[in-house]
Amino acid sequence: MTASASESPLIPQPQASITLLREAVAQIAPAALPAFTRELSHAADQARQGSDLLPLRRFTMQWAVYVHIQRHPGVAARFRELEDLAVATDDVEEARSAVAELGRILDAAHAAVAQETS
């Protein structure tokens, strides 16, 4: 991920289940619980309407990646910093650089979560 990725995680990465992810979010990022609940409700509605579990699979992957990043305070802080920079800057190159680094952090988190779930 980044140099900060070498820090010890706050908690172990939970399995990608709704219950375990909710518990992890409550522990390491309680302010995100309303978004978690709202997005879960939306994914469940989509799954019911389409008789398809794909929306719930997407939801669990998205939140597993979120938890993976938030478990590392340095990486999470850098992620937020880059998000803010990408939105606030008027410099196109600075925005591109911030977005590219955000992409690398997300790619690394997706790869780590995928490896843990396979």
PDB file of N, CA and C in Angstrom:
ATOM      1  N   MET A   1       0.825  -1.176   0.000  1.00  0.00           N
ATOM      2  CA  MET A   1       0.000   0.000   0.000  1.00  0.00           C
ATOM      3  C   MET A   1       0.876   1.248   0.000  1.00  0.00           C
ATOM      4  N   THR A   2       1.390   1.632   1.154  1.00  0.00           N
ATOM      5  CA  THR A   2       2.340   2.728   1.281  1.00  0.00           C
ATOM      6  C   THR A   2       3.282   2.357   2.407  1.00  0.00           C
ATOM      7  N   ALA A   3       4.208   3.242   2.701  1.00  0.00           N
ATOM      8  CA  ALA A   3       5.133   2.969   3.793  1.00  0.00           C
ATOM      9  C   ALA A   3       4.387   2.756   5.107  1.00  0.00           C
ATOM     10  N   SER A   4       3.252   3.438   5.287  1.00  0.00           N
ATOM     11  CA  SER A   4       2.468   3.299   6.512  1.00  0.00           C
ATOM     12  C   SER A   4       1.807   1.944   6.637  1.00  0.00           C
ATOM     13  N   ALA A   5       1.769   1.194   5.536  1.00  0.00           N
ATOM     14  CA  ALA A   5       1.115  -0.116   5.568  1.00  0.00           C
ATOM     15  C   ALA A   5       1.865  -1.090   6.464  1.00  0.00           C
ATOM     16  N   SER A   6       3.124  -0.778   6.782  1.00  0.00           N
ATOM     17  CA  SER A   6       3.902  -1.675   7.622  1.00  0.00           C
ATOM     18  C   SER A   6       3.522  -1.556   9.099  1.00  0.00           C
ATOM     19  N   GLU A   7       2.741  -0.534   9.459  1.00  0.00           N
ATOM     20  CA  GLU A   7       2.312  -0.406  10.846  1.00  0.00           C
ATOM     21  C   GLU A   7       1.377  -1.558  11.202  1.00  0.00           C
ATOM     22  N   SER A   8       1.304  -1.863  12.468  1.00  0.00           N
ATOM     23  CA  SER A   8       0.419  -2.949  12.903  1.00  0.00           C
ATOM     24  C   SER A   8      -1.032  -2.529  12.722  1.00  0.00           C
ATOM     25  N   PRO A   9      -1.855  -3.414  12.163  1.00  0.00           N
ATOM     26  CA  PRO A   9      -3.272  -3.071  12.010  1.00  0.00           C
ATOM     27  C   PRO A   9      -3.955  -2.987  13.370  1.00  0.00           C
ATOM     28  N   LEU A  10      -4.985  -2.161  13.440  1.00  0.00           N
ATOM     29  CA  LEU A  10      -5.740  -1.994  14.684  1.00  0.00           C
ATOM     30  C   LEU A  10      -6.450  -3.274  15.088  1.00  0.00           C
ATOM     31  N   ILE A  11      -6.975  -3.988  14.089  1.00  0.00           N
ATOM     32  CA  ILE A  11      -7.701  -5.236  14.313  1.00  0.00           C
ATOM     33  C   ILE A  11      -7.348  -6.193  13.187  1.00  0.00           C
ATOM     34  N   PRO A  12      -7.566  -7.487  13.381  1.00  0.00           N
ATOM     35  CA  PRO A  12      -7.388  -8.412  12.254  1.00  0.00           C
ATOM     36  C   PRO A  12      -8.442  -8.143  11.182  1.00  0.00           C
ATOM     37  N   GLN A  13      -8.113  -8.466   9.942  1.00  0.00           N
ATOM     38  CA  GLN A  13      -9.095  -8.324   8.860  1.00  0.00           C
ATOM     39  C   GLN A  13     -10.197  -9.359   9.062  1.00  0.00           C
ATOM     40  N   PRO A  14     -11.438  -8.905   9.192  1.00  0.00           N
ATOM     41  CA  PRO A  14     -12.527  -9.880   9.357  1.00  0.00           C
ATOM     42  C   PRO A  14     -12.853 -10.549   8.034  1.00  0.00           C
ATOM     43  N   GLN A  15     -13.496 -11.688   8.126  1.00  0.00           N
ATOM     44  CA  GLN A  15     -14.029 -12.320   6.922  1.00  0.00           C
ATOM     45  C   GLN A  15     -15.077 -11.383   6.331  1.00  0.00           C
ATOM     46  N   ALA A  16     -15.319 -11.521   5.048  1.00  0.00           N
ATOM     47  CA  ALA A  16     -16.252 -10.634   4.361  1.00  0.00           C
ATOM     48  C   ALA A  16     -17.690 -11.073   4.592  1.00  0.00           C
ATOM     49  N   SER A  17     -18.133 -10.987   5.830  1.00  0.00           N
ATOM     50  CA  SER A  17     -19.538 -11.247   6.154  1.00  0.00           C
ATOM     51  C   SER A  17     -20.116  -9.953   6.704  1.00  0.00           C
ATOM     52  N   ILE A  18     -21.380  -9.750   6.493  1.00  0.00           N
ATOM     53  CA  ILE A  18     -22.022  -8.510   6.911  1.00  0.00           C
ATOM     54  C   ILE A  18     -21.878  -8.290   8.410  1.00  0.00           C
ATOM     55  N   THR A  19     -22.107  -9.317   9.195  1.00  0.00           N
ATOM     56  CA  THR A  19     -22.026  -9.181  10.652  1.00  0.00           C
ATOM     57  C   THR A  19     -20.618  -8.817  11.100  1.00  0.00           C
ATOM     58  N   LEU A  20     -19.624  -9.529  10.584  1.00  0.00           N
ATOM     59  CA  LEU A  20     -18.242  -9.262  10.997  1.00  0.00           C
ATOM     60  C   LEU A  20     -17.754  -7.909  10.505  1.00  0.00           C
ATOM     61  N   LEU A  21     -18.157  -7.519   9.307  1.00  0.00           N
ATOM     62  CA  LEU A  21     -17.774  -6.203   8.797  1.00  0.00           C
ATOM     63  C   LEU A  21     -18.428  -5.094   9.616  1.00  0.00           C
ATOM     64  N   ARG A  22     -19.698  -5.266   9.971  1.00  0.00           N
ATOM     65  CA  ARG A  22     -20.388  -4.270  10.808  1.00  0.00           C
ATOM     66  C   ARG A  22     -19.655  -4.118  12.144  1.00  0.00           C
ATOM     67  N   GLU A  23     -19.274  -5.227  12.753  1.00  0.00           N
ATOM     68  CA  GLU A  23     -18.546  -5.172  14.029  1.00  0.00           C
ATOM     69  C   GLU A  23     -17.213  -4.447  13.863  1.00  0.00           C
ATOM     70  N   ALA A  24     -16.520  -4.715  12.757  1.00  0.00           N
ATOM     71  CA  ALA A  24     -15.231  -4.062  12.508  1.00  0.00           C
ATOM     72  C   ALA A  24     -15.417  -2.563  12.302  1.00  0.00           C
ATOM     73  N   VAL A  25     -16.410  -2.189  11.527  1.00  0.00           N
ATOM     74  CA  VAL A  25     -16.671  -0.764  11.293  1.00  0.00           C
ATOM     75  C   VAL A  25     -17.025  -0.079  12.616  1.00  0.00           C
ATOM     76  N   ALA A  26     -17.845  -0.722  13.425  1.00  0.00           N
ATOM     77  CA  ALA A  26     -18.216  -0.151  14.726  1.00  0.00           C
ATOM     78  C   ALA A  26     -16.989   0.067  15.602  1.00  0.00           C
ATOM     79  N   GLN A  27     -16.022  -0.802  15.479  1.00  0.00           N
ATOM     80  CA  GLN A  27     -14.828  -0.714  16.317  1.00  0.00           C
ATOM     81  C   GLN A  27     -13.826   0.315  15.807  1.00  0.00           C
ATOM     82  N   ILE A  28     -13.575   0.347  14.498  1.00  0.00           N
ATOM     83  CA  ILE A  28     -12.488   1.200  14.007  1.00  0.00           C
ATOM     84  C   ILE A  28     -12.949   2.478  13.310  1.00  0.00           C
ATOM     85  N   ALA A  29     -14.217   2.548  12.909  1.00  0.00           N
ATOM     86  CA  ALA A  29     -14.727   3.748  12.225  1.00  0.00           C
ATOM     87  C   ALA A  29     -16.214   3.925  12.513  1.00  0.00           C
ATOM     88  N   PRO A  30     -16.574   4.116  13.792  1.00  0.00           N
ATOM     89  CA  PRO A  30     -17.993   4.168  14.153  1.00  0.00           C
ATOM     90  C   PRO A  30     -18.784   5.251  13.415  1.00  0.00           C
ATOM     91  N   ALA A  31     -18.143   6.300  12.998  1.00  0.00           N
ATOM     92  CA  ALA A  31     -18.852   7.360  12.259  1.00  0.00           C
ATOM     93  C   ALA A  31     -19.356   6.860  10.905  1.00  0.00           C
ATOM     94  N   ALA A  32     -18.795   5.765  10.411  1.00  0.00           N
ATOM     95  CA  ALA A  32     -19.209   5.213   9.114  1.00  0.00           C
ATOM     96  C   ALA A  32     -20.389   4.245   9.229  1.00  0.00           C
ATOM     97  N   LEU A  33     -20.823   3.938  10.444  1.00  0.00           N
ATOM     98  CA  LEU A  33     -21.932   2.985  10.609  1.00  0.00           C
ATOM     99  C   LEU A  33     -23.231   3.405   9.913  1.00  0.00           C
ATOM    100  N   PRO A  34     -23.624   4.684   9.970  1.00  0.00           N
ATOM    101  CA  PRO A  34     -24.847   5.056   9.239  1.00  0.00           C
ATOM    102  C   PRO A  34     -24.730   4.794   7.728  1.00  0.00           C
ATOM    103  N   ALA A  35     -23.574   5.070   7.143  1.00  0.00           N
ATOM    104  CA  ALA A  35     -23.380   4.790   5.713  1.00  0.00           C
ATOM    105  C   ALA A  35     -23.419   3.291   5.464  1.00  0.00           C
ATOM    106  N   PHE A  36     -22.799   2.515   6.338  1.00  0.00           N
ATOM    107  CA  PHE A  36     -22.820   1.062   6.221  1.00  0.00           C
ATOM    108  C   PHE A  36     -24.264   0.563   6.200  1.00  0.00           C
ATOM    109  N   THR A  37     -25.064   1.007   7.155  1.00  0.00           N
ATOM    110  CA  THR A  37     -26.453   0.565   7.267  1.00  0.00           C
ATOM    111  C   THR A  37     -27.274   0.996   6.057  1.00  0.00           C
ATOM    112  N   ARG A  38     -27.087   2.236   5.636  1.00  0.00           N
ATOM    113  CA  ARG A  38     -27.815   2.755   4.471  1.00  0.00           C
ATOM    114  C   ARG A  38     -27.473   1.966   3.215  1.00  0.00           C
ATOM    115  N   GLU A  39     -26.173   1.725   2.994  1.00  0.00           N
ATOM    116  CA  GLU A  39     -25.737   0.993   1.805  1.00  0.00           C
ATOM    117  C   GLU A  39     -26.145  -0.476   1.858  1.00  0.00           C
ATOM    118  N   LEU A  40     -26.153  -1.064   3.045  1.00  0.00           N
ATOM    119  CA  LEU A  40     -26.623  -2.441   3.196  1.00  0.00           C
ATOM    120  C   LEU A  40     -28.096  -2.540   2.822  1.00  0.00           C
ATOM    121  N   SER A  41     -28.885  -1.612   3.306  1.00  0.00           N
ATOM    122  CA  SER A  41     -30.311  -1.605   2.994  1.00  0.00           C
ATOM    123  C   SER A  41     -30.529  -1.471   1.483  1.00  0.00           C
ATOM    124  N   HIS A  42     -29.775  -0.593   0.858  1.00  0.00           N
ATOM    125  CA  HIS A  42     -29.889  -0.399  -0.593  1.00  0.00           C
ATOM    126  C   HIS A  42     -29.490  -1.670  -1.344  1.00  0.00           C
ATOM    127  N   ALA A  43     -28.385  -2.298  -0.940  1.00  0.00           N
ATOM    128  CA  ALA A  43     -27.932  -3.535  -1.595  1.00  0.00           C
ATOM    129  C   ALA A  43     -28.950  -4.655  -1.406  1.00  0.00           C
ATOM    130  N   ALA A  44     -29.536  -4.752  -0.212  1.00  0.00           N
ATOM    131  CA  ALA A  44     -30.542  -5.787   0.044  1.00  0.00           C
ATOM    132  C   ALA A  44     -31.778  -5.556  -0.816  1.00  0.00           C
ATOM    133  N   ASP A  45     -32.189  -4.295  -0.947  1.00  0.00           N
ATOM    134  CA  ASP A  45     -33.338  -3.989  -1.814  1.00  0.00           C
ATOM    135  C   ASP A  45     -33.049  -4.370  -3.255  1.00  0.00           C
ATOM    136  N   GLN A  46     -31.864  -4.030  -3.740  1.00  0.00           N
ATOM    137  CA  GLN A  46     -31.485  -4.383  -5.109  1.00  0.00           C
ATOM    138  C   GLN A  46     -31.459  -5.896  -5.296  1.00  0.00           C
ATOM    139  N   ALA A  47     -30.943  -6.603  -4.309  1.00  0.00           N
ATOM    140  CA  ALA A  47     -30.869  -8.061  -4.391  1.00  0.00           C
ATOM    141  C   ALA A  47     -32.272  -8.669  -4.461  1.00  0.00           C
ATOM    142  N   ARG A  48     -33.179  -8.148  -3.645  1.00  0.00           N
ATOM    143  CA  ARG A  48     -34.565  -8.647  -3.660  1.00  0.00           C
ATOM    144  C   ARG A  48     -35.250  -8.357  -4.989  1.00  0.00           C
ATOM    145  N   GLN A  49     -35.063  -7.145  -5.490  1.00  0.00           N
ATOM    146  CA  GLN A  49     -35.723  -6.760  -6.741  1.00  0.00           C
ATOM    147  C   GLN A  49     -35.223  -7.583  -7.926  1.00  0.00           C
ATOM    148  N   GLY A  50     -33.936  -7.889  -7.923  1.00  0.00           N
ATOM    149  CA  GLY A  50     -33.371  -8.619  -9.052  1.00  0.00           C
ATOM    150  C   GLY A  50     -33.208 -10.096  -8.807  1.00  0.00           C
ATOM    151  N   SER A  51     -33.602 -10.562  -7.635  1.00  0.00           N
ATOM    152  CA  SER A  51     -33.402 -11.967  -7.266  1.00  0.00           C
ATOM    153  C   SER A  51     -31.964 -12.399  -7.559  1.00  0.00           C
ATOM    154  N   ASP A  52     -31.030 -11.557  -7.136  1.00  0.00           N
ATOM    155  CA  ASP A  52     -29.617 -11.762  -7.434  1.00  0.00           C
ATOM    156  C   ASP A  52     -28.801 -11.318  -6.228  1.00  0.00           C
ATOM    157  N   LEU A  53     -27.802 -12.088  -5.860  1.00  0.00           N
ATOM    158  CA  LEU A  53     -26.969 -11.753  -4.704  1.00  0.00           C
ATOM    159  C   LEU A  53     -25.809 -10.816  -5.047  1.00  0.00           C
ATOM    160  N   LEU A  54     -25.630 -10.480  -6.304  1.00  0.00           N
ATOM    161  CA  LEU A  54     -24.506  -9.635  -6.709  1.00  0.00           C
ATOM    162  C   LEU A  54     -24.450  -8.301  -5.952  1.00  0.00           C
ATOM    163  N   PRO A  55     -25.554  -7.592  -5.743  1.00  0.00           N
ATOM    164  CA  PRO A  55     -25.463  -6.345  -4.977  1.00  0.00           C
ATOM    165  C   PRO A  55     -24.911  -6.550  -3.561  1.00  0.00           C
ATOM    166  N   LEU A  56     -25.270  -7.661  -2.932  1.00  0.00           N
ATOM    167  CA  LEU A  56     -24.751  -7.936  -1.589  1.00  0.00           C
ATOM    168  C   LEU A  56     -23.281  -8.338  -1.636  1.00  0.00           C
ATOM    169  N   ARG A  57     -22.890  -9.036  -2.682  1.00  0.00           N
ATOM    170  CA  ARG A  57     -21.464  -9.380  -2.837  1.00  0.00           C
ATOM    171  C   ARG A  57     -20.632  -8.118  -3.035  1.00  0.00           C
ATOM    172  N   ARG A  58     -21.145  -7.203  -3.874  1.00  0.00           N
ATOM    173  CA  ARG A  58     -20.453  -5.923  -4.085  1.00  0.00           C
ATOM    174  C   ARG A  58     -20.345  -5.144  -2.784  1.00  0.00           C
ATOM    175  N   PHE A  59     -21.436  -5.120  -2.041  1.00  0.00           N
ATOM    176  CA  PHE A  59     -21.451  -4.426  -0.757  1.00  0.00           C
ATOM    177  C   PHE A  59     -20.383  -4.986   0.183  1.00  0.00           C
ATOM    178  N   THR A  60     -20.343  -6.298   0.326  1.00  0.00           N
ATOM    179  CA  THR A  60     -19.375  -6.884   1.255  1.00  0.00           C
ATOM    180  C   THR A  60     -17.939  -6.642   0.780  1.00  0.00           C
ATOM    181  N   MET A  61     -17.692  -6.700  -0.518  1.00  0.00           N
ATOM    182  CA  MET A  61     -16.338  -6.427  -1.019  1.00  0.00           C
ATOM    183  C   MET A  61     -15.962  -4.967  -0.761  1.00  0.00           C
ATOM    184  N   GLN A  62     -16.867  -4.062  -1.045  1.00  0.00           N
ATOM    185  CA  GLN A  62     -16.595  -2.640  -0.836  1.00  0.00           C
ATOM    186  C   GLN A  62     -16.250  -2.363   0.626  1.00  0.00           C
ATOM    187  N   TRP A  63     -17.032  -2.932   1.525  1.00  0.00           N
ATOM    188  CA  TRP A  63     -16.799  -2.670   2.946  1.00  0.00           C
ATOM    189  C   TRP A  63     -15.610  -3.454   3.486  1.00  0.00           C
ATOM    190  N   ALA A  64     -15.311  -4.599   2.921  1.00  0.00           N
ATOM    191  CA  ALA A  64     -14.095  -5.318   3.322  1.00  0.00           C
ATOM    192  C   ALA A  64     -12.864  -4.492   2.940  1.00  0.00           C
ATOM    193  N   VAL A  65     -12.897  -3.867   1.777  1.00  0.00           N
ATOM    194  CA  VAL A  65     -11.794  -2.996   1.346  1.00  0.00           C
ATOM    195  C   VAL A  65     -11.714  -1.776   2.264  1.00  0.00           C
ATOM    196  N   TYR A  66     -12.851  -1.183   2.574  1.00  0.00           N
ATOM    197  CA  TYR A  66     -12.883  -0.041   3.484  1.00  0.00           C
ATOM    198  C   TYR A  66     -12.247  -0.412   4.831  1.00  0.00           C
ATOM    199  N   VAL A  67     -12.670  -1.544   5.380  1.00  0.00           N
ATOM    200  CA  VAL A  67     -12.123  -1.988   6.669  1.00  0.00           C
ATOM    201  C   VAL A  67     -10.629  -2.246   6.541  1.00  0.00           C
ATOM    202  N   HIS A  68     -10.216  -2.869   5.443  1.00  0.00           N
ATOM    203  CA  HIS A  68      -8.788  -3.145   5.248  1.00  0.00           C
ATOM    204  C   HIS A  68      -7.981  -1.851   5.324  1.00  0.00           C
ATOM    205  N   ILE A  69      -8.450  -0.810   4.691  1.00  0.00           N
ATOM    206  CA  ILE A  69      -7.740   0.478   4.717  1.00  0.00           C
ATOM    207  C   ILE A  69      -7.808   1.100   6.112  1.00  0.00           C
ATOM    208  N   GLN A  70      -8.981   1.115   6.717  1.00  0.00           N
ATOM    209  CA  GLN A  70      -9.160   1.761   8.020  1.00  0.00           C
ATOM    210  C   GLN A  70      -8.403   1.063   9.147  1.00  0.00           C
ATOM    211  N   ARG A  71      -8.080  -0.199   8.969  1.00  0.00           N
ATOM    212  CA  ARG A  71      -7.320  -0.938   9.987  1.00  0.00           C
ATOM    213  C   ARG A  71      -5.927  -0.359  10.165  1.00  0.00           C
ATOM    214  N   HIS A  72      -5.435   0.351   9.169  1.00  0.00           N
ATOM    215  CA  HIS A  72      -4.092   0.947   9.179  1.00  0.00           C
ATOM    216  C   HIS A  72      -4.241   2.467   9.279  1.00  0.00           C
ATOM    217  N   PRO A  73      -4.107   3.029  10.486  1.00  0.00           N
ATOM    218  CA  PRO A  73      -4.370   4.464  10.665  1.00  0.00           C
ATOM    219  C   PRO A  73      -3.559   5.372   9.730  1.00  0.00           C
ATOM    220  N   GLY A  74      -2.319   5.048   9.485  1.00  0.00           N
ATOM    221  CA  GLY A  74      -1.507   5.879   8.600  1.00  0.00           C
ATOM    222  C   GLY A  74      -2.018   5.859   7.170  1.00  0.00           C
ATOM    223  N   VAL A  75      -2.390   4.687   6.700  1.00  0.00           N
ATOM    224  CA  VAL A  75      -2.927   4.552   5.344  1.00  0.00           C
ATOM    225  C   VAL A  75      -4.280   5.256   5.257  1.00  0.00           C
ATOM    226  N   ALA A  76      -5.112   5.076   6.264  1.00  0.00           N
ATOM    227  CA  ALA A  76      -6.435   5.716   6.274  1.00  0.00           C
ATOM    228  C   ALA A  76      -6.294   7.233   6.267  1.00  0.00           C
ATOM    229  N   ALA A  77      -5.366   7.756   7.051  1.00  0.00           N
ATOM    230  CA  ALA A  77      -5.149   9.203   7.089  1.00  0.00           C
ATOM    231  C   ALA A  77      -4.650   9.713   5.738  1.00  0.00           C
ATOM    232  N   ARG A  78      -3.731   8.979   5.125  1.00  0.00           N
ATOM    233  CA  ARG A  78      -3.235   9.381   3.804  1.00  0.00           C
ATOM    234  C   ARG A  78      -4.359   9.325   2.769  1.00  0.00           C
ATOM    235  N   PHE A  79      -5.201   8.320   2.845  1.00  0.00           N
ATOM    236  CA  PHE A  79      -6.326   8.172   1.927  1.00  0.00           C
ATOM    237  C   PHE A  79      -7.237   9.401   2.022  1.00  0.00           C
ATOM    238  N   ARG A  80      -7.595   9.788   3.251  1.00  0.00           N
ATOM    239  CA  ARG A  80      -8.451  10.969   3.446  1.00  0.00           C
ATOM    240  C   ARG A  80      -7.777  12.231   2.933  1.00  0.00           C
ATOM    241  N   GLU A  81      -6.485  12.349   3.201  1.00  0.00           N
ATOM    242  CA  GLU A  81      -5.712  13.503   2.737  1.00  0.00           C
ATOM    243  C   GLU A  81      -5.743  13.590   1.203  1.00  0.00           C
ATOM    244  N   LEU A  82      -5.552  12.462   0.553  1.00  0.00           N
ATOM    245  CA  LEU A  82      -5.566  12.428  -0.913  1.00  0.00           C
ATOM    246  C   LEU A  82      -6.950  12.742  -1.467  1.00  0.00           C
ATOM    247  N   GLU A  83      -7.999  12.215  -0.823  1.00  0.00           N
ATOM    248  CA  GLU A  83      -9.364  12.540  -1.257  1.00  0.00           C
ATOM    249  C   GLU A  83      -9.605  14.047  -1.183  1.00  0.00           C
ATOM    250  N   ASP A  84      -9.214  14.639  -0.057  1.00  0.00           N
ATOM    251  CA  ASP A  84      -9.398  16.081   0.117  1.00  0.00           C
ATOM    252  C   ASP A  84      -8.602  16.862  -0.916  1.00  0.00           C
ATOM    253  N   LEU A  85      -7.360  16.459  -1.145  1.00  0.00           N
ATOM    254  CA  LEU A  85      -6.505  17.140  -2.111  1.00  0.00           C
ATOM    255  C   LEU A  85      -7.077  17.050  -3.515  1.00  0.00           C
ATOM    256  N   ALA A  86      -7.540  15.880  -3.906  1.00  0.00           N
ATOM    257  CA  ALA A  86      -8.081  15.685  -5.251  1.00  0.00           C
ATOM    258  C   ALA A  86      -9.285  16.591  -5.510  1.00  0.00           C
ATOM    259  N   VAL A  87     -10.064  16.850  -4.468  1.00  0.00           N
ATOM    260  CA  VAL A  87     -11.252  17.687  -4.616  1.00  0.00           C
ATOM    261  C   VAL A  87     -10.894  19.175  -4.540  1.00  0.00           C
ATOM    262  N   ALA A  88      -9.944  19.526  -3.704  1.00  0.00           N
ATOM    263  CA  ALA A  88      -9.677  20.931  -3.403  1.00  0.00           C
ATOM    264  C   ALA A  88      -8.708  21.612  -4.364  1.00  0.00           C
ATOM    265  N   THR A  89      -7.824  20.856  -4.991  1.00  0.00           N
ATOM    266  CA  THR A  89      -6.785  21.489  -5.794  1.00  0.00           C
ATOM    267  C   THR A  89      -7.319  21.994  -7.129  1.00  0.00           C
ATOM    268  N   ASP A  90      -6.713  23.081  -7.588  1.00  0.00           N
ATOM    269  CA  ASP A  90      -7.003  23.601  -8.928  1.00  0.00           C
ATOM    270  C   ASP A  90      -5.941  23.157  -9.917  1.00  0.00           C
ATOM    271  N   ASP A  91      -4.909  22.482  -9.406  1.00  0.00           N
ATOM    272  CA  ASP A  91      -3.803  22.012 -10.234  1.00  0.00           C
ATOM    273  C   ASP A  91      -4.142  20.616 -10.770  1.00  0.00           C
ATOM    274  N   VAL A  92      -4.287  20.516 -12.078  1.00  0.00           N
ATOM    275  CA  VAL A  92      -4.696  19.253 -12.702  1.00  0.00           C
ATOM    276  C   VAL A  92      -3.685  18.148 -12.427  1.00  0.00           C
ATOM    277  N   GLU A  93      -2.407  18.445 -12.507  1.00  0.00           N
ATOM    278  CA  GLU A  93      -1.376  17.422 -12.261  1.00  0.00           C
ATOM    279  C   GLU A  93      -1.399  16.958 -10.812  1.00  0.00           C
ATOM    280  N   GLU A  94      -1.606  17.869  -9.896  1.00  0.00           N
ATOM    281  CA  GLU A  94      -1.690  17.505  -8.476  1.00  0.00           C
ATOM    282  C   GLU A  94      -2.909  16.603  -8.237  1.00  0.00           C
ATOM    283  N   ALA A  95      -4.029  16.932  -8.864  1.00  0.00           N
ATOM    284  CA  ALA A  95      -5.241  16.109  -8.741  1.00  0.00           C
ATOM    285  C   ALA A  95      -4.997  14.720  -9.330  1.00  0.00           C
ATOM    286  N   ARG A  96      -4.370  14.658 -10.511  1.00  0.00           N
ATOM    287  CA  ARG A  96      -4.072  13.356 -11.127  1.00  0.00           C
ATOM    288  C   ARG A  96      -3.167  12.513 -10.243  1.00  0.00           C
ATOM    289  N   SER A  97      -2.162  13.153  -9.674  1.00  0.00           N
ATOM    290  CA  SER A  97      -1.237  12.433  -8.795  1.00  0.00           C
ATOM    291  C   SER A  97      -1.966  11.892  -7.562  1.00  0.00           C
ATOM    292  N   ALA A  98      -2.843  12.708  -6.979  1.00  0.00           N
ATOM    293  CA  ALA A  98      -3.613  12.274  -5.802  1.00  0.00           C
ATOM    294  C   ALA A  98      -4.522  11.112  -6.166  1.00  0.00           C
ATOM    295  N   VAL A  99      -5.198  11.210  -7.294  1.00  0.00           N
ATOM    296  CA  VAL A  99      -6.113  10.151  -7.718  1.00  0.00           C
ATOM    297  C   VAL A  99      -5.338   8.873  -8.039  1.00  0.00           C
ATOM    298  N   ALA A 100      -4.177   9.014  -8.637  1.00  0.00           N
ATOM    299  CA  ALA A 100      -3.357   7.833  -8.941  1.00  0.00           C
ATOM    300  C   ALA A 100      -2.934   7.127  -7.652  1.00  0.00           C
ATOM    301  N   GLU A 101      -2.541   7.898  -6.642  1.00  0.00           N
ATOM    302  CA  GLU A 101      -2.152   7.276  -5.370  1.00  0.00           C
ATOM    303  C   GLU A 101      -3.354   6.642  -4.679  1.00  0.00           C
ATOM    304  N   LEU A 102      -4.510   7.297  -4.754  1.00  0.00           N
ATOM    305  CA  LEU A 102      -5.739   6.687  -4.223  1.00  0.00           C
ATOM    306  C   LEU A 102      -5.999   5.349  -4.908  1.00  0.00           C
ATOM    307  N   GLY A 103      -5.818   5.313  -6.214  1.00  0.00           N
ATOM    308  CA  GLY A 103      -6.012   4.076  -6.965  1.00  0.00           C
ATOM    309  C   GLY A 103      -5.066   2.981  -6.521  1.00  0.00           C
ATOM    310  N   ARG A 104      -3.811   3.353  -6.256  1.00  0.00           N
ATOM    311  CA  ARG A 104      -2.844   2.342  -5.793  1.00  0.00           C
ATOM    312  C   ARG A 104      -3.231   1.790  -4.428  1.00  0.00           C
ATOM    313  N   ILE A 105      -3.693   2.660  -3.539  1.00  0.00           N
ATOM    314  CA  ILE A 105      -4.126   2.204  -2.215  1.00  0.00           C
ATOM    315  C   ILE A 105      -5.324   1.262  -2.356  1.00  0.00           C
ATOM    316  N   LEU A 106      -6.292   1.655  -3.175  1.00  0.00           N
ATOM    317  CA  LEU A 106      -7.473   0.806  -3.385  1.00  0.00           C
ATOM    318  C   LEU A 106      -7.113  -0.516  -4.054  1.00  0.00           C
ATOM    319  N   ASP A 107      -6.230  -0.471  -5.055  1.00  0.00           N
ATOM    320  CA  ASP A 107      -5.809  -1.708  -5.727  1.00  0.00           C
ATOM    321  C   ASP A 107      -5.148  -2.669  -4.740  1.00  0.00           C
ATOM    322  N   ALA A 108      -4.276  -2.132  -3.895  1.00  0.00           N
ATOM    323  CA  ALA A 108      -3.595  -2.978  -2.906  1.00  0.00           C
ATOM    324  C   ALA A 108      -4.596  -3.566  -1.912  1.00  0.00           C
ATOM    325  N   ALA A 109      -5.562  -2.763  -1.487  1.00  0.00           N
ATOM    326  CA  ALA A 109      -6.573  -3.251  -0.540  1.00  0.00           C
ATOM    327  C   ALA A 109      -7.450  -4.316  -1.192  1.00  0.00           C
ATOM    328  N   HIS A 110      -7.868  -4.084  -2.442  1.00  0.00           N
ATOM    329  CA  HIS A 110      -8.669  -5.085  -3.151  1.00  0.00           C
ATOM    330  C   HIS A 110      -7.896  -6.401  -3.293  1.00  0.00           C
ATOM    331  N   ALA A 111      -6.621  -6.303  -3.648  1.00  0.00           N
ATOM    332  CA  ALA A 111      -5.812  -7.505  -3.820  1.00  0.00           C
ATOM    333  C   ALA A 111      -5.671  -8.254  -2.494  1.00  0.00           C
ATOM    334  N   ALA A 112      -5.447  -7.527  -1.415  1.00  0.00           N
ATOM    335  CA  ALA A 112      -5.300  -8.164  -0.104  1.00  0.00           C
ATOM    336  C   ALA A 112      -6.601  -8.843   0.329  1.00  0.00           C
ATOM    337  N   VAL A 113      -7.720  -8.172   0.131  1.00  0.00           N
ATOM    338  CA  VAL A 113      -9.008  -8.748   0.510  1.00  0.00           C
ATOM    339  C   VAL A 113      -9.311  -9.966  -0.358  1.00  0.00           C
ATOM    340  N   ALA A 114      -9.060  -9.866  -1.652  1.00  0.00           N
ATOM    341  CA  ALA A 114      -9.310 -10.993  -2.556  1.00  0.00           C
ATOM    342  C   ALA A 114      -8.449 -12.197  -2.163  1.00  0.00           C
ATOM    343  N   GLN A 115      -7.215 -11.946  -1.780  1.00  0.00           N
ATOM    344  CA  GLN A 115      -6.321 -13.024  -1.372  1.00  0.00           C
ATOM    345  C   GLN A 115      -6.823 -13.688  -0.089  1.00  0.00           C
ATOM    346  N   GLU A 116      -7.343 -12.886   0.827  1.00  0.00           N
ATOM    347  CA  GLU A 116      -7.835 -13.414   2.095  1.00  0.00           C
ATOM    348  C   GLU A 116      -9.132 -14.205   1.928  1.00  0.00           C
ATOM    349  N   THR A 117      -9.909 -13.882   0.890  1.00  0.00           N
ATOM    350  CA  THR A 117     -11.185 -14.561   0.689  1.00  0.00           C
ATOM    351  C   THR A 117     -11.087 -15.748  -0.250  1.00  0.00           C
ATOM    352  N   SER A 118      -9.906 -15.973  -0.841  1.00  0.00           N
ATOM    353  CA  SER A 118      -9.802 -17.102  -1.771  1.00  0.00           C
ATOM    354  C   SER A 118      -9.204 -18.319  -1.122  1.00  0.00           C
TER     355      SER A 118
END
